[in-house]
Amino acid sequence: MSEMANTVWYDVGCARCARLARHLERIRNEHPGYHCRPVPPFGDSAADLLVVGLAPGKHGANASGRPFTGDHAGIMLYKMLFRYGFSNRGVSQHRGDGLRLRRARITNAVKCLPPENRPLTCEIHNCNPYLAAEINDLEAGSAVLVLGRIAHAAVLKALNLTLARHPFAHGRRHDLPAGLYMIDSYHCSRYNTQTRRLTEAMFEQVFDQIQSLLKRN
C-alpha cells in the first residue's frame, strides 16, 4: 500500500510528448522544488477500486508528485475515500504526510502536466498504454471510477471500447470486459464543486454505488 513506481504502469523518464516535456522544463525553471515529471499512480498495488483523473494540476500533483494532492480537486476525493474506508485519513497534504490508501489507487489519463490543463488527443494516446496496463492488472469484480469525460474516454480507449456504446453520464455504471465495472462521475474540480455541478451528496451516491458493487463481489 504505497506509491507506485511500476515501470509497466509508469515511467518517470517518459518523454513521449515533446510539448509536455518542454512545458515541464519551463515550469521546473519557474519552480525548482516542484516534482515536474510524470506523476506516478498512488495507492494499493492490489486495489479493487481504481480512480482515474485527467492530468496533474500545475500547483497540485505536478508540485507534490502525488495525484490530487496540493490542489482543490483532491479535497472532496480524499474526504470520500476516507469516509468509505479506502484510506487512513481524509486530507492529502504532501507525499510525506502518512496517508495510505487501502484497496484503492489513484491514477491519471495523462501523467504529465499539460498547458492550461488541456492535453492534446495525441498526448492522451501516447499515455494510454500506461493506463491500459494498470487496468488490465485489475482483478475481476474491481471498479474503475472515472472523473470526467476525458478520463472516461481514456479508459474506453485502453479497453478498445467505443463511446457510442458507453456514453458518459454522471452516476452511470458500465459493465466492462474481464468482469470490471466503470462508474462515471463529474470531475471534483474547483469549478464543478463551487458551481455545484458536483455536490458532496452526488459524489456520495457514486461511492455508495461503488461500495455496493465491491461488497457484492
N, C-alpha and C. Protein backbone atom coordinates (compact mmCIF):
# COMPACT_ATOMS: atom_id res chain seq x y z
N MET A 1 0.85 -1.20 0.00
CA MET A 1 0.00 0.00 0.00
C MET A 1 0.88 1.25 0.00
N SER A 2 1.52 1.51 -1.11
CA SER A 2 2.44 2.62 -1.19
C SER A 2 2.37 3.24 -2.56
N GLU A 3 3.11 4.32 -2.76
CA GLU A 3 3.14 4.96 -4.05
C GLU A 3 3.73 4.01 -5.08
N MET A 4 3.10 3.99 -6.28
CA MET A 4 3.52 3.07 -7.31
C MET A 4 4.68 3.65 -8.11
N ALA A 5 5.61 2.81 -8.48
CA ALA A 5 6.68 3.20 -9.40
C ALA A 5 6.91 2.06 -10.37
N ASN A 6 5.83 1.37 -10.75
CA ASN A 6 5.91 0.20 -11.62
C ASN A 6 6.22 0.65 -13.04
N THR A 7 7.26 0.10 -13.66
CA THR A 7 7.67 0.56 -14.98
C THR A 7 6.66 0.19 -16.06
N VAL A 8 5.74 -0.73 -15.77
CA VAL A 8 4.69 -1.05 -16.74
C VAL A 8 3.59 0.00 -16.68
N TRP A 9 3.22 0.43 -15.48
CA TRP A 9 2.17 1.42 -15.30
C TRP A 9 2.68 2.85 -15.44
N TYR A 10 3.99 3.03 -15.31
CA TYR A 10 4.53 4.37 -15.12
C TYR A 10 6.01 4.40 -15.45
N ASP A 11 6.45 5.47 -16.10
CA ASP A 11 7.87 5.64 -16.42
C ASP A 11 8.27 7.06 -16.05
N VAL A 12 9.08 7.20 -15.02
CA VAL A 12 9.47 8.53 -14.54
C VAL A 12 10.24 9.29 -15.61
N GLY A 13 10.88 8.59 -16.53
CA GLY A 13 11.65 9.26 -17.56
C GLY A 13 10.92 9.40 -18.88
N CYS A 14 9.63 9.13 -18.89
CA CYS A 14 8.88 9.18 -20.15
C CYS A 14 8.94 10.58 -20.75
N ALA A 15 9.24 10.65 -22.05
CA ALA A 15 9.26 11.92 -22.77
C ALA A 15 8.62 11.73 -24.15
N ARG A 16 7.56 10.91 -24.20
CA ARG A 16 6.89 10.62 -25.47
C ARG A 16 6.24 11.86 -26.07
N CYS A 17 5.89 12.82 -25.25
CA CYS A 17 5.17 14.00 -25.72
C CYS A 17 6.08 15.22 -25.64
N ALA A 18 6.57 15.67 -26.77
CA ALA A 18 7.55 16.76 -26.79
C ALA A 18 6.99 18.05 -26.19
N ARG A 19 5.73 18.34 -26.49
CA ARG A 19 5.12 19.56 -25.95
C ARG A 19 5.05 19.53 -24.44
N LEU A 20 4.69 18.38 -23.87
CA LEU A 20 4.60 18.26 -22.42
C LEU A 20 5.98 18.31 -21.78
N ALA A 21 6.97 17.69 -22.42
CA ALA A 21 8.34 17.73 -21.88
C ALA A 21 8.86 19.16 -21.84
N ARG A 22 8.58 19.94 -22.88
CA ARG A 22 9.02 21.35 -22.90
C ARG A 22 8.29 22.15 -21.83
N HIS A 23 7.01 21.87 -21.68
CA HIS A 23 6.22 22.58 -20.67
C HIS A 23 6.73 22.29 -19.27
N LEU A 24 7.02 21.02 -18.98
CA LEU A 24 7.54 20.66 -17.66
C LEU A 24 8.89 21.34 -17.40
N GLU A 25 9.72 21.45 -18.43
CA GLU A 25 11.02 22.11 -18.27
C GLU A 25 10.83 23.58 -17.91
N ARG A 26 9.87 24.24 -18.55
CA ARG A 26 9.61 25.65 -18.22
C ARG A 26 9.11 25.79 -16.78
N ILE A 27 8.19 24.92 -16.38
CA ILE A 27 7.67 25.01 -15.01
C ILE A 27 8.76 24.68 -13.99
N ARG A 28 9.63 23.74 -14.32
CA ARG A 28 10.74 23.38 -13.42
C ARG A 28 11.67 24.57 -13.21
N ASN A 29 11.90 25.35 -14.25
CA ASN A 29 12.73 26.54 -14.12
C ASN A 29 12.06 27.60 -13.25
N GLU A 30 10.73 27.69 -13.33
CA GLU A 30 9.99 28.65 -12.50
C GLU A 30 9.87 28.19 -11.06
N HIS A 31 9.75 26.87 -10.87
CA HIS A 31 9.52 26.29 -9.53
C HIS A 31 10.48 25.11 -9.33
N PRO A 32 11.72 25.38 -8.98
CA PRO A 32 12.72 24.30 -8.88
C PRO A 32 12.38 23.20 -7.88
N GLY A 33 11.53 23.49 -6.91
CA GLY A 33 11.18 22.49 -5.91
C GLY A 33 10.03 21.59 -6.30
N TYR A 34 9.41 21.85 -7.44
CA TYR A 34 8.27 21.05 -7.88
C TYR A 34 8.72 19.70 -8.43
N HIS A 35 7.83 18.73 -8.40
CA HIS A 35 8.08 17.40 -8.96
C HIS A 35 8.40 17.49 -10.45
N CYS A 36 7.54 18.10 -11.22
CA CYS A 36 7.75 18.40 -12.65
C CYS A 36 8.27 17.22 -13.46
N ARG A 37 7.66 16.08 -13.23
CA ARG A 37 7.93 14.87 -14.01
C ARG A 37 6.60 14.13 -14.14
N PRO A 38 6.55 13.04 -14.90
CA PRO A 38 5.32 12.24 -14.87
C PRO A 38 4.97 11.86 -13.43
N VAL A 39 3.69 11.97 -13.09
CA VAL A 39 3.23 11.69 -11.72
C VAL A 39 2.80 10.23 -11.64
N PRO A 40 3.38 9.46 -10.70
CA PRO A 40 3.04 8.03 -10.61
C PRO A 40 1.67 7.80 -10.00
N PRO A 41 1.06 6.66 -10.28
CA PRO A 41 -0.13 6.26 -9.53
C PRO A 41 0.17 6.20 -8.05
N PHE A 42 -0.85 6.40 -7.24
CA PHE A 42 -0.68 6.37 -5.79
C PHE A 42 -1.72 5.44 -5.18
N GLY A 43 -1.27 4.52 -4.31
CA GLY A 43 -2.20 3.69 -3.57
C GLY A 43 -1.80 2.24 -3.50
N ASP A 44 -2.80 1.40 -3.40
CA ASP A 44 -2.62 -0.03 -3.15
C ASP A 44 -2.37 -0.76 -4.47
N SER A 45 -1.29 -1.50 -4.55
CA SER A 45 -0.97 -2.24 -5.78
C SER A 45 -1.99 -3.33 -6.06
N ALA A 46 -2.73 -3.77 -5.03
CA ALA A 46 -3.75 -4.80 -5.20
C ALA A 46 -5.15 -4.20 -5.07
N ALA A 47 -5.32 -2.98 -5.55
CA ALA A 47 -6.59 -2.26 -5.38
C ALA A 47 -7.72 -2.93 -6.15
N ASP A 48 -8.94 -2.82 -5.60
CA ASP A 48 -10.13 -3.19 -6.38
C ASP A 48 -10.98 -1.96 -6.69
N LEU A 49 -10.45 -0.77 -6.39
CA LEU A 49 -11.01 0.49 -6.86
C LEU A 49 -9.88 1.30 -7.48
N LEU A 50 -10.02 1.59 -8.77
CA LEU A 50 -9.06 2.44 -9.47
C LEU A 50 -9.76 3.74 -9.83
N VAL A 51 -9.25 4.86 -9.32
CA VAL A 51 -9.79 6.18 -9.62
C VAL A 51 -8.94 6.80 -10.72
N VAL A 52 -9.58 7.23 -11.80
CA VAL A 52 -8.86 7.78 -12.94
C VAL A 52 -9.24 9.25 -13.12
N GLY A 53 -8.26 10.13 -12.97
CA GLY A 53 -8.47 11.55 -13.20
C GLY A 53 -7.97 11.96 -14.57
N LEU A 54 -7.90 13.25 -14.81
CA LEU A 54 -7.48 13.77 -16.11
C LEU A 54 -5.96 13.86 -16.20
N ALA A 55 -5.37 14.77 -15.43
CA ALA A 55 -3.92 15.03 -15.51
C ALA A 55 -3.51 15.79 -14.25
N PRO A 56 -2.22 15.83 -13.94
CA PRO A 56 -1.76 16.59 -12.76
C PRO A 56 -2.07 18.07 -12.90
N GLY A 57 -2.40 18.70 -11.78
CA GLY A 57 -2.56 20.15 -11.74
C GLY A 57 -1.21 20.83 -11.55
N LYS A 58 -1.07 22.04 -12.05
CA LYS A 58 0.21 22.74 -12.02
C LYS A 58 0.76 22.87 -10.61
N HIS A 59 -0.07 23.35 -9.69
CA HIS A 59 0.40 23.56 -8.32
C HIS A 59 -0.11 22.47 -7.38
N GLY A 60 -0.66 21.40 -7.94
CA GLY A 60 -1.13 20.26 -7.16
C GLY A 60 -0.21 19.08 -7.35
N ALA A 61 -0.67 18.07 -8.10
CA ALA A 61 0.13 16.86 -8.28
C ALA A 61 1.46 17.12 -8.97
N ASN A 62 1.49 18.09 -9.90
CA ASN A 62 2.75 18.40 -10.55
C ASN A 62 3.78 18.94 -9.57
N ALA A 63 3.30 19.59 -8.53
CA ALA A 63 4.20 20.10 -7.48
C ALA A 63 4.54 19.03 -6.46
N SER A 64 3.51 18.31 -6.00
CA SER A 64 3.70 17.35 -4.90
C SER A 64 4.21 15.99 -5.36
N GLY A 65 3.92 15.62 -6.61
CA GLY A 65 4.31 14.30 -7.10
C GLY A 65 3.32 13.21 -6.70
N ARG A 66 2.14 13.57 -6.22
CA ARG A 66 1.11 12.60 -5.85
C ARG A 66 -0.24 13.06 -6.40
N PRO A 67 -1.00 12.17 -7.04
CA PRO A 67 -2.26 12.57 -7.64
C PRO A 67 -3.22 13.26 -6.66
N PHE A 68 -3.83 14.34 -7.13
CA PHE A 68 -4.86 15.06 -6.37
C PHE A 68 -4.35 15.53 -5.01
N THR A 69 -3.09 15.88 -4.94
CA THR A 69 -2.50 16.34 -3.68
C THR A 69 -1.93 17.74 -3.87
N GLY A 70 -2.47 18.69 -3.10
CA GLY A 70 -1.98 20.06 -3.15
C GLY A 70 -2.88 21.02 -3.89
N ASP A 71 -4.02 20.53 -4.40
CA ASP A 71 -4.95 21.45 -5.06
C ASP A 71 -6.38 21.15 -4.63
N HIS A 72 -7.29 22.00 -5.07
CA HIS A 72 -8.68 21.91 -4.63
C HIS A 72 -9.35 20.60 -5.02
N ALA A 73 -8.98 20.06 -6.19
CA ALA A 73 -9.65 18.86 -6.71
C ALA A 73 -9.54 17.66 -5.77
N GLY A 74 -8.50 17.64 -4.95
CA GLY A 74 -8.31 16.50 -4.06
C GLY A 74 -9.13 16.55 -2.79
N ILE A 75 -9.70 17.70 -2.47
CA ILE A 75 -10.37 17.86 -1.17
C ILE A 75 -11.54 16.88 -1.04
N MET A 76 -12.46 16.92 -1.99
CA MET A 76 -13.63 16.06 -1.91
C MET A 76 -13.27 14.60 -2.16
N LEU A 77 -12.33 14.35 -3.07
CA LEU A 77 -11.96 12.97 -3.38
C LEU A 77 -11.38 12.26 -2.16
N TYR A 78 -10.41 12.87 -1.49
CA TYR A 78 -9.79 12.20 -0.35
C TYR A 78 -10.75 12.12 0.84
N LYS A 79 -11.65 13.09 0.96
CA LYS A 79 -12.67 13.01 2.01
C LYS A 79 -13.54 11.77 1.80
N MET A 80 -13.94 11.52 0.55
CA MET A 80 -14.79 10.36 0.26
C MET A 80 -14.04 9.05 0.43
N LEU A 81 -12.81 9.00 -0.01
CA LEU A 81 -12.03 7.77 0.14
C LEU A 81 -11.90 7.40 1.62
N PHE A 82 -11.71 8.40 2.46
CA PHE A 82 -11.63 8.14 3.90
C PHE A 82 -13.00 7.73 4.46
N ARG A 83 -14.03 8.43 4.07
CA ARG A 83 -15.38 8.15 4.57
C ARG A 83 -15.83 6.73 4.25
N TYR A 84 -15.39 6.21 3.11
CA TYR A 84 -15.82 4.88 2.68
C TYR A 84 -14.77 3.80 2.95
N GLY A 85 -13.79 4.14 3.78
CA GLY A 85 -12.86 3.14 4.26
C GLY A 85 -11.70 2.80 3.34
N PHE A 86 -11.45 3.65 2.34
CA PHE A 86 -10.37 3.38 1.41
C PHE A 86 -9.05 4.05 1.80
N SER A 87 -9.04 4.82 2.87
CA SER A 87 -7.80 5.48 3.30
C SER A 87 -7.78 5.64 4.81
N ASN A 88 -6.62 5.98 5.33
CA ASN A 88 -6.45 6.12 6.77
C ASN A 88 -6.64 7.55 7.26
N ARG A 89 -6.87 8.48 6.33
CA ARG A 89 -7.12 9.87 6.71
C ARG A 89 -7.82 10.57 5.57
N GLY A 90 -8.49 11.68 5.88
CA GLY A 90 -9.33 12.33 4.89
C GLY A 90 -8.74 13.53 4.21
N VAL A 91 -7.49 13.84 4.49
CA VAL A 91 -6.84 15.00 3.90
C VAL A 91 -5.49 14.59 3.33
N SER A 92 -5.23 14.99 2.09
CA SER A 92 -3.94 14.72 1.46
C SER A 92 -3.17 16.02 1.35
N GLN A 93 -2.05 16.11 2.09
CA GLN A 93 -1.31 17.37 2.17
C GLN A 93 -0.01 17.33 1.35
N HIS A 94 0.76 16.28 1.52
CA HIS A 94 2.03 16.15 0.80
C HIS A 94 2.47 14.69 0.86
N ARG A 95 3.48 14.33 0.11
CA ARG A 95 3.86 12.93 -0.03
C ARG A 95 4.36 12.30 1.27
N GLY A 96 4.78 13.11 2.22
CA GLY A 96 5.27 12.56 3.48
C GLY A 96 4.29 12.68 4.62
N ASP A 97 3.00 12.83 4.32
CA ASP A 97 2.02 13.09 5.38
C ASP A 97 1.48 11.83 6.04
N GLY A 98 1.91 10.66 5.60
CA GLY A 98 1.47 9.41 6.22
C GLY A 98 0.17 8.85 5.69
N LEU A 99 -0.43 9.49 4.71
CA LEU A 99 -1.68 8.99 4.14
C LEU A 99 -1.43 7.68 3.38
N ARG A 100 -2.30 6.71 3.60
CA ARG A 100 -2.21 5.43 2.91
C ARG A 100 -3.60 5.07 2.38
N LEU A 101 -3.64 4.52 1.19
CA LEU A 101 -4.89 4.02 0.63
C LEU A 101 -4.99 2.52 0.83
N ARG A 102 -6.22 2.05 1.06
CA ARG A 102 -6.49 0.63 1.23
C ARG A 102 -7.45 0.18 0.15
N ARG A 103 -7.06 -0.79 -0.64
CA ARG A 103 -7.90 -1.35 -1.70
C ARG A 103 -8.23 -0.33 -2.78
N ALA A 104 -7.53 0.80 -2.80
CA ALA A 104 -7.80 1.84 -3.79
C ALA A 104 -6.48 2.39 -4.34
N ARG A 105 -6.56 2.88 -5.57
CA ARG A 105 -5.39 3.50 -6.20
C ARG A 105 -5.89 4.64 -7.08
N ILE A 106 -5.11 5.71 -7.16
CA ILE A 106 -5.46 6.87 -7.97
C ILE A 106 -4.43 7.03 -9.08
N THR A 107 -4.90 7.25 -10.29
CA THR A 107 -4.01 7.45 -11.42
C THR A 107 -4.61 8.54 -12.30
N ASN A 108 -3.93 8.88 -13.40
CA ASN A 108 -4.43 9.88 -14.33
C ASN A 108 -4.36 9.37 -15.76
N ALA A 109 -5.27 9.87 -16.59
CA ALA A 109 -5.25 9.51 -18.01
C ALA A 109 -3.98 10.01 -18.68
N VAL A 110 -3.50 11.17 -18.23
CA VAL A 110 -2.24 11.76 -18.72
C VAL A 110 -1.39 12.02 -17.50
N LYS A 111 -0.18 11.49 -17.49
CA LYS A 111 0.66 11.53 -16.29
C LYS A 111 1.43 12.84 -16.12
N CYS A 112 1.53 13.65 -17.19
CA CYS A 112 2.29 14.90 -17.13
C CYS A 112 1.36 16.11 -17.20
N LEU A 113 1.79 17.19 -16.59
CA LEU A 113 1.04 18.44 -16.60
C LEU A 113 0.91 18.98 -18.02
N PRO A 114 -0.32 19.17 -18.53
CA PRO A 114 -0.48 19.79 -19.84
C PRO A 114 -0.71 21.30 -19.70
N PRO A 115 -0.31 22.09 -20.68
CA PRO A 115 -0.61 23.52 -20.63
C PRO A 115 -2.11 23.75 -20.52
N GLU A 116 -2.49 24.65 -19.63
CA GLU A 116 -3.89 25.01 -19.39
C GLU A 116 -4.75 23.80 -19.03
N ASN A 117 -4.11 22.77 -18.51
CA ASN A 117 -4.81 21.54 -18.10
C ASN A 117 -5.60 20.91 -19.25
N ARG A 118 -5.10 21.06 -20.48
CA ARG A 118 -5.79 20.54 -21.65
C ARG A 118 -4.83 19.70 -22.49
N PRO A 119 -4.78 18.41 -22.26
CA PRO A 119 -3.92 17.56 -23.08
C PRO A 119 -4.46 17.44 -24.50
N LEU A 120 -3.56 17.30 -25.45
CA LEU A 120 -3.95 17.06 -26.83
C LEU A 120 -4.35 15.60 -27.01
N THR A 121 -5.10 15.33 -28.05
CA THR A 121 -5.53 13.95 -28.32
C THR A 121 -4.33 13.03 -28.46
N CYS A 122 -3.28 13.48 -29.13
CA CYS A 122 -2.09 12.65 -29.31
C CYS A 122 -1.40 12.36 -27.99
N GLU A 123 -1.47 13.29 -27.03
CA GLU A 123 -0.84 13.07 -25.72
C GLU A 123 -1.63 12.06 -24.90
N ILE A 124 -2.95 12.11 -25.00
CA ILE A 124 -3.78 11.09 -24.34
C ILE A 124 -3.47 9.72 -24.94
N HIS A 125 -3.30 9.69 -26.26
CA HIS A 125 -2.96 8.44 -26.96
C HIS A 125 -1.59 7.91 -26.51
N ASN A 126 -0.60 8.80 -26.42
CA ASN A 126 0.75 8.39 -26.03
C ASN A 126 0.81 7.82 -24.62
N CYS A 127 -0.03 8.35 -23.73
CA CYS A 127 -0.02 7.92 -22.33
C CYS A 127 -0.93 6.71 -22.09
N ASN A 128 -1.78 6.41 -23.05
CA ASN A 128 -2.80 5.38 -22.85
C ASN A 128 -2.25 3.98 -22.55
N PRO A 129 -1.10 3.57 -23.13
CA PRO A 129 -0.59 2.24 -22.77
C PRO A 129 -0.32 2.05 -21.29
N TYR A 130 0.10 3.12 -20.58
CA TYR A 130 0.32 3.01 -19.14
C TYR A 130 -1.00 2.74 -18.42
N LEU A 131 -2.05 3.47 -18.82
CA LEU A 131 -3.36 3.27 -18.21
C LEU A 131 -3.90 1.89 -18.54
N ALA A 132 -3.71 1.45 -19.79
CA ALA A 132 -4.19 0.13 -20.19
C ALA A 132 -3.54 -0.96 -19.36
N ALA A 133 -2.23 -0.84 -19.13
CA ALA A 133 -1.52 -1.85 -18.34
C ALA A 133 -2.06 -1.89 -16.92
N GLU A 134 -2.37 -0.73 -16.37
CA GLU A 134 -2.88 -0.66 -15.00
C GLU A 134 -4.27 -1.27 -14.89
N ILE A 135 -5.12 -0.97 -15.87
CA ILE A 135 -6.47 -1.54 -15.86
C ILE A 135 -6.43 -3.05 -16.06
N ASN A 136 -5.58 -3.50 -16.95
CA ASN A 136 -5.50 -4.94 -17.24
C ASN A 136 -5.00 -5.76 -16.06
N ASP A 137 -4.37 -5.10 -15.09
CA ASP A 137 -3.90 -5.81 -13.90
C ASP A 137 -4.97 -5.89 -12.81
N LEU A 138 -6.13 -5.28 -13.02
CA LEU A 138 -7.20 -5.35 -12.02
C LEU A 138 -7.85 -6.73 -12.04
N GLU A 139 -8.27 -7.18 -10.88
CA GLU A 139 -8.98 -8.45 -10.77
C GLU A 139 -10.45 -8.28 -11.15
N ALA A 140 -11.06 -9.36 -11.61
CA ALA A 140 -12.49 -9.34 -11.90
C ALA A 140 -13.27 -8.88 -10.67
N GLY A 141 -14.30 -8.07 -10.88
CA GLY A 141 -15.08 -7.52 -9.78
C GLY A 141 -14.61 -6.16 -9.33
N SER A 142 -13.48 -5.69 -9.87
CA SER A 142 -12.97 -4.37 -9.49
C SER A 142 -13.77 -3.26 -10.16
N ALA A 143 -13.72 -2.08 -9.56
CA ALA A 143 -14.43 -0.91 -10.09
C ALA A 143 -13.44 0.15 -10.52
N VAL A 144 -13.77 0.82 -11.62
CA VAL A 144 -12.98 1.95 -12.11
C VAL A 144 -13.86 3.19 -12.04
N LEU A 145 -13.47 4.14 -11.21
CA LEU A 145 -14.18 5.40 -11.08
C LEU A 145 -13.50 6.42 -11.98
N VAL A 146 -14.23 6.93 -12.98
CA VAL A 146 -13.64 7.92 -13.89
C VAL A 146 -14.18 9.29 -13.54
N LEU A 147 -13.29 10.24 -13.46
CA LEU A 147 -13.64 11.61 -13.10
C LEU A 147 -13.59 12.48 -14.35
N GLY A 148 -14.73 12.63 -14.98
CA GLY A 148 -14.83 13.47 -16.16
C GLY A 148 -14.79 12.72 -17.47
N ARG A 149 -15.13 13.43 -18.54
CA ARG A 149 -15.29 12.82 -19.85
C ARG A 149 -13.98 12.35 -20.46
N ILE A 150 -12.89 13.09 -20.22
CA ILE A 150 -11.61 12.69 -20.82
C ILE A 150 -11.12 11.40 -20.19
N ALA A 151 -11.23 11.28 -18.88
CA ALA A 151 -10.84 10.03 -18.21
C ALA A 151 -11.72 8.89 -18.68
N HIS A 152 -13.01 9.16 -18.83
CA HIS A 152 -13.96 8.16 -19.33
C HIS A 152 -13.51 7.65 -20.70
N ALA A 153 -13.22 8.57 -21.61
CA ALA A 153 -12.81 8.18 -22.97
C ALA A 153 -11.48 7.45 -22.96
N ALA A 154 -10.57 7.85 -22.06
CA ALA A 154 -9.26 7.20 -22.00
C ALA A 154 -9.37 5.75 -21.55
N VAL A 155 -10.26 5.48 -20.58
CA VAL A 155 -10.47 4.11 -20.13
C VAL A 155 -11.07 3.27 -21.26
N LEU A 156 -12.04 3.82 -21.97
CA LEU A 156 -12.62 3.09 -23.10
C LEU A 156 -11.56 2.79 -24.16
N LYS A 157 -10.72 3.77 -24.45
CA LYS A 157 -9.65 3.56 -25.43
C LYS A 157 -8.70 2.46 -24.98
N ALA A 158 -8.38 2.44 -23.69
CA ALA A 158 -7.47 1.42 -23.16
C ALA A 158 -8.03 0.02 -23.32
N LEU A 159 -9.35 -0.09 -23.36
CA LEU A 159 -10.01 -1.38 -23.47
C LEU A 159 -10.60 -1.64 -24.85
N ASN A 160 -10.28 -0.74 -25.82
CA ASN A 160 -10.78 -0.87 -27.20
C ASN A 160 -12.31 -0.89 -27.25
N LEU A 161 -12.94 -0.04 -26.44
CA LEU A 161 -14.38 0.11 -26.43
C LEU A 161 -14.76 1.47 -27.02
N THR A 162 -16.02 1.62 -27.38
CA THR A 162 -16.46 2.84 -28.06
C THR A 162 -17.34 3.71 -27.19
N LEU A 163 -17.25 5.02 -27.44
CA LEU A 163 -18.11 5.97 -26.75
C LEU A 163 -19.57 5.78 -27.14
N ALA A 164 -19.81 5.34 -28.35
CA ALA A 164 -21.18 5.14 -28.80
C ALA A 164 -21.91 4.12 -27.94
N ARG A 165 -21.22 3.09 -27.52
CA ARG A 165 -21.84 2.05 -26.70
C ARG A 165 -21.74 2.35 -25.21
N HIS A 166 -20.85 3.26 -24.85
CA HIS A 166 -20.65 3.59 -23.43
C HIS A 166 -20.59 5.10 -23.26
N PRO A 167 -21.69 5.82 -23.48
CA PRO A 167 -21.69 7.27 -23.33
C PRO A 167 -21.52 7.69 -21.87
N PHE A 168 -20.87 8.82 -21.68
CA PHE A 168 -20.65 9.34 -20.34
C PHE A 168 -21.94 9.91 -19.76
N ALA A 169 -22.21 9.62 -18.50
CA ALA A 169 -23.30 10.25 -17.76
C ALA A 169 -23.00 10.10 -16.27
N HIS A 170 -23.07 11.19 -15.55
CA HIS A 170 -22.74 11.13 -14.12
C HIS A 170 -23.58 10.07 -13.42
N GLY A 171 -22.90 9.20 -12.68
CA GLY A 171 -23.56 8.16 -11.92
C GLY A 171 -23.86 6.90 -12.70
N ARG A 172 -23.56 6.89 -13.98
CA ARG A 172 -23.86 5.71 -14.80
C ARG A 172 -22.82 4.61 -14.57
N ARG A 173 -23.30 3.37 -14.56
CA ARG A 173 -22.42 2.20 -14.45
C ARG A 173 -22.30 1.54 -15.82
N HIS A 174 -21.07 1.15 -16.14
CA HIS A 174 -20.81 0.45 -17.39
C HIS A 174 -20.16 -0.89 -17.05
N ASP A 175 -20.67 -1.97 -17.60
CA ASP A 175 -20.06 -3.28 -17.43
C ASP A 175 -18.97 -3.43 -18.49
N LEU A 176 -17.75 -3.68 -18.03
CA LEU A 176 -16.59 -3.76 -18.91
C LEU A 176 -16.13 -5.21 -19.06
N PRO A 177 -15.27 -5.48 -20.04
CA PRO A 177 -14.72 -6.83 -20.18
C PRO A 177 -13.96 -7.26 -18.92
N ALA A 178 -13.75 -8.56 -18.80
CA ALA A 178 -12.98 -9.15 -17.70
C ALA A 178 -13.64 -8.94 -16.34
N GLY A 179 -14.96 -8.72 -16.33
CA GLY A 179 -15.66 -8.60 -15.07
C GLY A 179 -15.43 -7.31 -14.33
N LEU A 180 -15.03 -6.25 -15.03
CA LEU A 180 -14.80 -4.94 -14.40
C LEU A 180 -16.02 -4.05 -14.55
N TYR A 181 -16.11 -3.04 -13.69
CA TYR A 181 -17.18 -2.05 -13.75
C TYR A 181 -16.56 -0.67 -13.86
N MET A 182 -17.18 0.20 -14.63
CA MET A 182 -16.77 1.60 -14.68
C MET A 182 -17.95 2.45 -14.23
N ILE A 183 -17.68 3.40 -13.34
CA ILE A 183 -18.70 4.32 -12.84
C ILE A 183 -18.25 5.73 -13.19
N ASP A 184 -19.15 6.47 -13.83
CA ASP A 184 -18.86 7.85 -14.24
C ASP A 184 -19.16 8.84 -13.13
N SER A 185 -18.33 9.86 -13.06
CA SER A 185 -18.62 11.00 -12.17
C SER A 185 -18.10 12.27 -12.82
N TYR A 186 -18.80 13.37 -12.57
CA TYR A 186 -18.19 14.65 -12.91
C TYR A 186 -16.90 14.79 -12.12
N HIS A 187 -15.96 15.51 -12.71
CA HIS A 187 -14.68 15.72 -12.03
C HIS A 187 -14.88 16.59 -10.80
N CYS A 188 -14.14 16.29 -9.74
CA CYS A 188 -14.25 17.04 -8.48
C CYS A 188 -13.36 18.28 -8.51
N SER A 189 -13.39 19.01 -9.60
CA SER A 189 -12.59 20.23 -9.75
C SER A 189 -13.20 21.37 -8.95
N ARG A 190 -12.42 22.42 -8.76
CA ARG A 190 -12.93 23.60 -8.06
C ARG A 190 -14.17 24.17 -8.78
N TYR A 191 -14.09 24.26 -10.10
CA TYR A 191 -15.22 24.81 -10.85
C TYR A 191 -16.49 23.99 -10.63
N ASN A 192 -16.38 22.66 -10.76
CA ASN A 192 -17.57 21.81 -10.63
C ASN A 192 -18.15 21.81 -9.23
N THR A 193 -17.29 21.85 -8.21
CA THR A 193 -17.81 21.83 -6.85
C THR A 193 -18.36 23.20 -6.43
N GLN A 194 -17.72 24.28 -6.88
CA GLN A 194 -18.20 25.61 -6.49
C GLN A 194 -19.48 26.00 -7.23
N THR A 195 -19.63 25.51 -8.46
CA THR A 195 -20.88 25.77 -9.20
C THR A 195 -21.95 24.76 -8.85
N ARG A 196 -21.60 23.77 -8.03
CA ARG A 196 -22.50 22.71 -7.58
C ARG A 196 -22.96 21.80 -8.72
N ARG A 197 -22.17 21.77 -9.79
CA ARG A 197 -22.40 20.74 -10.79
C ARG A 197 -22.17 19.37 -10.15
N LEU A 198 -21.16 19.32 -9.25
CA LEU A 198 -20.93 18.13 -8.44
C LEU A 198 -21.01 18.53 -6.98
N THR A 199 -22.00 18.01 -6.29
CA THR A 199 -22.14 18.26 -4.86
C THR A 199 -21.61 17.07 -4.07
N GLU A 200 -21.42 17.29 -2.78
CA GLU A 200 -20.95 16.20 -1.93
C GLU A 200 -21.96 15.05 -1.92
N ALA A 201 -23.24 15.39 -1.91
CA ALA A 201 -24.28 14.35 -1.92
C ALA A 201 -24.23 13.54 -3.21
N MET A 202 -23.99 14.20 -4.33
CA MET A 202 -23.89 13.49 -5.61
C MET A 202 -22.69 12.55 -5.61
N PHE A 203 -21.59 13.02 -5.05
CA PHE A 203 -20.37 12.20 -5.00
C PHE A 203 -20.57 11.02 -4.05
N GLU A 204 -21.29 11.25 -2.96
CA GLU A 204 -21.61 10.16 -2.04
C GLU A 204 -22.42 9.06 -2.74
N GLN A 205 -23.35 9.46 -3.57
CA GLN A 205 -24.15 8.48 -4.30
C GLN A 205 -23.28 7.61 -5.21
N VAL A 206 -22.28 8.23 -5.82
CA VAL A 206 -21.34 7.47 -6.65
C VAL A 206 -20.58 6.46 -5.79
N PHE A 207 -20.10 6.90 -4.63
CA PHE A 207 -19.36 5.99 -3.76
C PHE A 207 -20.26 4.93 -3.14
N ASP A 208 -21.53 5.25 -2.90
CA ASP A 208 -22.47 4.23 -2.44
C ASP A 208 -22.57 3.11 -3.48
N GLN A 209 -22.66 3.50 -4.72
CA GLN A 209 -22.75 2.52 -5.80
C GLN A 209 -21.49 1.66 -5.87
N ILE A 210 -20.33 2.30 -5.75
CA ILE A 210 -19.07 1.56 -5.77
C ILE A 210 -19.00 0.59 -4.61
N GLN A 211 -19.36 1.05 -3.42
CA GLN A 211 -19.31 0.21 -2.25
C GLN A 211 -20.23 -1.00 -2.41
N SER A 212 -21.41 -0.81 -2.97
CA SER A 212 -22.33 -1.91 -3.20
C SER A 212 -21.77 -2.92 -4.19
N LEU A 213 -21.14 -2.45 -5.25
CA LEU A 213 -20.54 -3.34 -6.24
C LEU A 213 -19.43 -4.17 -5.63
N LEU A 214 -18.56 -3.52 -4.86
CA LEU A 214 -17.43 -4.22 -4.29
C LEU A 214 -17.85 -5.21 -3.21
N LYS A 215 -18.88 -4.85 -2.43
CA LYS A 215 -19.38 -5.80 -1.41
C LYS A 215 -20.03 -7.00 -2.06
N ARG A 216 -20.71 -6.78 -3.19
CA ARG A 216 -21.37 -7.88 -3.88
C ARG A 216 -20.36 -8.89 -4.43
N ASN A 217 -19.17 -8.39 -4.72
CA ASN A 217 -18.15 -9.26 -5.28
C ASN A 217 -17.12 -9.66 -4.23
